[in-house]
Amino acid sequence: MKEYSNIRNEYLRSMLCLVIGFRGDVEMIPFLMKETERLERMYPQETYTQGPILAIQELAVGFLN
């Protein structure tokens, strides 16, 4: 997370969000939600939002189990 703001490529940011979903904690959900909103707003025609959305789902499943 320390280096997240240094990543310029939105695809890589999206993939890092996905990694956070598999390795992170539920505390990351607000950050992932903000990233989803930002990516939807900035790139409505792209699929960059899939990374943070899937990450949120993964964290939710992990939390419920």
N, C-alpha and C. Protein backbone atom coordinates (compact mmCIF):
# COMPACT_ATOMS: atom_id res chain seq x y z
N MET A 1 0.82 -1.20 0.00
CA MET A 1 0.00 0.00 0.00
C MET A 1 0.86 1.26 0.00
N LYS A 2 2.06 1.16 0.53
CA LYS A 2 2.92 2.34 0.57
C LYS A 2 3.23 2.85 -0.82
N GLU A 3 3.35 1.94 -1.78
CA GLU A 3 3.75 2.31 -3.14
C GLU A 3 2.56 2.49 -4.08
N TYR A 4 1.35 2.33 -3.60
CA TYR A 4 0.17 2.37 -4.47
C TYR A 4 0.09 3.68 -5.25
N SER A 5 0.32 4.78 -4.59
CA SER A 5 0.19 6.08 -5.26
C SER A 5 1.28 6.30 -6.32
N ASN A 6 2.36 5.53 -6.24
CA ASN A 6 3.43 5.66 -7.22
C ASN A 6 3.14 4.91 -8.53
N ILE A 7 2.16 4.03 -8.50
CA ILE A 7 1.82 3.26 -9.69
C ILE A 7 0.98 4.15 -10.60
N ARG A 8 1.42 4.31 -11.82
CA ARG A 8 0.74 5.20 -12.78
C ARG A 8 -0.26 4.46 -13.66
N ASN A 9 -0.05 3.19 -13.88
CA ASN A 9 -0.89 2.41 -14.78
C ASN A 9 -2.16 1.95 -14.05
N GLU A 10 -3.31 2.32 -14.56
CA GLU A 10 -4.58 1.99 -13.89
C GLU A 10 -4.86 0.48 -13.89
N TYR A 11 -4.42 -0.20 -14.92
CA TYR A 11 -4.60 -1.65 -14.95
C TYR A 11 -3.82 -2.29 -13.80
N LEU A 12 -2.59 -1.86 -13.59
CA LEU A 12 -1.79 -2.40 -12.49
C LEU A 12 -2.40 -2.06 -11.14
N ARG A 13 -2.96 -0.86 -11.03
CA ARG A 13 -3.64 -0.50 -9.78
C ARG A 13 -4.83 -1.42 -9.53
N SER A 14 -5.57 -1.70 -10.58
CA SER A 14 -6.72 -2.59 -10.47
C SER A 14 -6.29 -3.98 -10.02
N MET A 15 -5.19 -4.48 -10.58
CA MET A 15 -4.69 -5.80 -10.21
C MET A 15 -4.15 -5.81 -8.78
N LEU A 16 -3.55 -4.72 -8.35
CA LEU A 16 -3.09 -4.63 -6.97
C LEU A 16 -4.28 -4.66 -6.01
N CYS A 17 -5.36 -4.02 -6.39
CA CYS A 17 -6.57 -4.08 -5.57
C CYS A 17 -7.03 -5.53 -5.43
N LEU A 18 -6.96 -6.28 -6.51
CA LEU A 18 -7.36 -7.68 -6.46
C LEU A 18 -6.46 -8.47 -5.50
N VAL A 19 -5.18 -8.21 -5.55
CA VAL A 19 -4.24 -8.87 -4.62
C VAL A 19 -4.59 -8.51 -3.18
N ILE A 20 -4.95 -7.26 -2.95
CA ILE A 20 -5.36 -6.83 -1.61
C ILE A 20 -6.57 -7.64 -1.16
N GLY A 21 -7.46 -7.95 -2.09
CA GLY A 21 -8.64 -8.75 -1.74
C GLY A 21 -8.29 -10.14 -1.27
N PHE A 22 -7.24 -10.72 -1.82
CA PHE A 22 -6.83 -12.06 -1.43
C PHE A 22 -5.92 -12.07 -0.21
N ARG A 23 -5.17 -11.00 -0.02
CA ARG A 23 -4.18 -11.01 1.05
C ARG A 23 -4.46 -9.99 2.16
N GLY A 24 -5.41 -9.10 1.92
CA GLY A 24 -5.66 -8.01 2.85
C GLY A 24 -6.66 -8.36 3.93
N ASP A 25 -7.14 -7.32 4.56
CA ASP A 25 -8.09 -7.45 5.66
C ASP A 25 -9.32 -6.62 5.34
N VAL A 26 -10.41 -6.87 6.05
CA VAL A 26 -11.65 -6.15 5.80
C VAL A 26 -11.51 -4.65 6.01
N GLU A 27 -10.46 -4.23 6.71
CA GLU A 27 -10.20 -2.80 6.90
C GLU A 27 -9.93 -2.09 5.58
N MET A 28 -9.61 -2.85 4.54
CA MET A 28 -9.28 -2.29 3.23
C MET A 28 -10.54 -2.01 2.39
N ILE A 29 -11.69 -2.45 2.83
CA ILE A 29 -12.92 -2.29 2.04
C ILE A 29 -13.23 -0.82 1.73
N PRO A 30 -13.13 0.12 2.69
CA PRO A 30 -13.39 1.52 2.32
C PRO A 30 -12.46 2.04 1.23
N PHE A 31 -11.18 1.67 1.30
CA PHE A 31 -10.24 2.07 0.26
C PHE A 31 -10.66 1.47 -1.09
N LEU A 32 -11.02 0.21 -1.10
CA LEU A 32 -11.42 -0.46 -2.34
C LEU A 32 -12.69 0.15 -2.91
N MET A 33 -13.61 0.55 -2.06
CA MET A 33 -14.83 1.19 -2.53
C MET A 33 -14.52 2.54 -3.17
N LYS A 34 -13.63 3.30 -2.56
CA LYS A 34 -13.24 4.59 -3.14
C LYS A 34 -12.54 4.40 -4.48
N GLU A 35 -11.70 3.38 -4.58
CA GLU A 35 -11.03 3.10 -5.84
C GLU A 35 -12.04 2.69 -6.92
N THR A 36 -13.02 1.90 -6.54
CA THR A 36 -14.06 1.51 -7.49
C THR A 36 -14.77 2.75 -8.03
N GLU A 37 -15.17 3.64 -7.14
CA GLU A 37 -15.86 4.86 -7.55
C GLU A 37 -14.97 5.74 -8.43
N ARG A 38 -13.70 5.87 -8.08
CA ARG A 38 -12.77 6.68 -8.85
C ARG A 38 -12.58 6.11 -10.25
N LEU A 39 -12.38 4.82 -10.33
CA LEU A 39 -12.16 4.18 -11.63
C LEU A 39 -13.42 4.24 -12.50
N GLU A 40 -14.59 4.08 -11.89
CA GLU A 40 -15.85 4.19 -12.65
C GLU A 40 -16.00 5.59 -13.22
N ARG A 41 -15.68 6.58 -12.41
CA ARG A 41 -15.83 7.97 -12.83
C ARG A 41 -14.81 8.34 -13.93
N MET A 42 -13.58 7.91 -13.77
CA MET A 42 -12.52 8.30 -14.70
C MET A 42 -12.49 7.47 -15.99
N TYR A 43 -12.90 6.21 -15.90
CA TYR A 43 -12.80 5.30 -17.04
C TYR A 43 -14.10 4.51 -17.21
N PRO A 44 -15.18 5.19 -17.58
CA PRO A 44 -16.48 4.50 -17.66
C PRO A 44 -16.53 3.42 -18.75
N GLN A 45 -15.68 3.51 -19.75
CA GLN A 45 -15.71 2.54 -20.85
C GLN A 45 -14.74 1.36 -20.64
N GLU A 46 -13.96 1.41 -19.58
CA GLU A 46 -12.95 0.37 -19.32
C GLU A 46 -13.45 -0.57 -18.22
N THR A 47 -12.71 -1.64 -18.00
CA THR A 47 -13.09 -2.64 -16.99
C THR A 47 -12.17 -2.60 -15.76
N TYR A 48 -11.53 -1.47 -15.53
CA TYR A 48 -10.61 -1.36 -14.40
C TYR A 48 -11.29 -1.58 -13.05
N THR A 49 -12.56 -1.36 -12.97
CA THR A 49 -13.27 -1.50 -11.69
C THR A 49 -13.40 -2.95 -11.25
N GLN A 50 -13.17 -3.89 -12.14
CA GLN A 50 -13.34 -5.29 -11.78
C GLN A 50 -12.38 -5.72 -10.68
N GLY A 51 -11.15 -5.21 -10.69
CA GLY A 51 -10.18 -5.56 -9.64
C GLY A 51 -10.67 -5.22 -8.25
N PRO A 52 -11.02 -3.94 -7.99
CA PRO A 52 -11.48 -3.62 -6.64
C PRO A 52 -12.82 -4.26 -6.28
N ILE A 53 -13.70 -4.43 -7.25
CA ILE A 53 -14.99 -5.06 -6.96
C ILE A 53 -14.79 -6.51 -6.54
N LEU A 54 -13.99 -7.24 -7.28
CA LEU A 54 -13.71 -8.64 -6.93
C LEU A 54 -12.97 -8.73 -5.61
N ALA A 55 -12.12 -7.77 -5.32
CA ALA A 55 -11.40 -7.75 -4.05
C ALA A 55 -12.37 -7.59 -2.88
N ILE A 56 -13.33 -6.70 -3.03
CA ILE A 56 -14.34 -6.51 -1.98
C ILE A 56 -15.12 -7.80 -1.77
N GLN A 57 -15.51 -8.45 -2.85
CA GLN A 57 -16.23 -9.71 -2.73
C GLN A 57 -15.40 -10.78 -2.03
N GLU A 58 -14.13 -10.85 -2.38
CA GLU A 58 -13.24 -11.84 -1.75
C GLU A 58 -13.08 -11.57 -0.26
N LEU A 59 -12.91 -10.30 0.11
CA LEU A 59 -12.80 -9.96 1.53
C LEU A 59 -14.09 -10.28 2.28
N ALA A 60 -15.23 -10.02 1.64
CA ALA A 60 -16.51 -10.31 2.28
C ALA A 60 -16.68 -11.80 2.51
N VAL A 61 -16.33 -12.60 1.53
CA VAL A 61 -16.43 -14.07 1.68
C VAL A 61 -15.51 -14.55 2.78
N GLY A 62 -14.29 -14.02 2.80
CA GLY A 62 -13.34 -14.40 3.85
C GLY A 62 -13.82 -14.00 5.22
N PHE A 63 -14.48 -12.86 5.31
CA PHE A 63 -14.99 -12.39 6.60
C PHE A 63 -16.15 -13.25 7.07
N LEU A 64 -16.99 -13.69 6.16
CA LEU A 64 -18.16 -14.49 6.54
C LEU A 64 -17.81 -15.92 6.90
N ASN A 65 -16.68 -16.39 6.44
CA ASN A 65 -16.28 -17.78 6.75
C ASN A 65 -15.56 -17.86 8.02
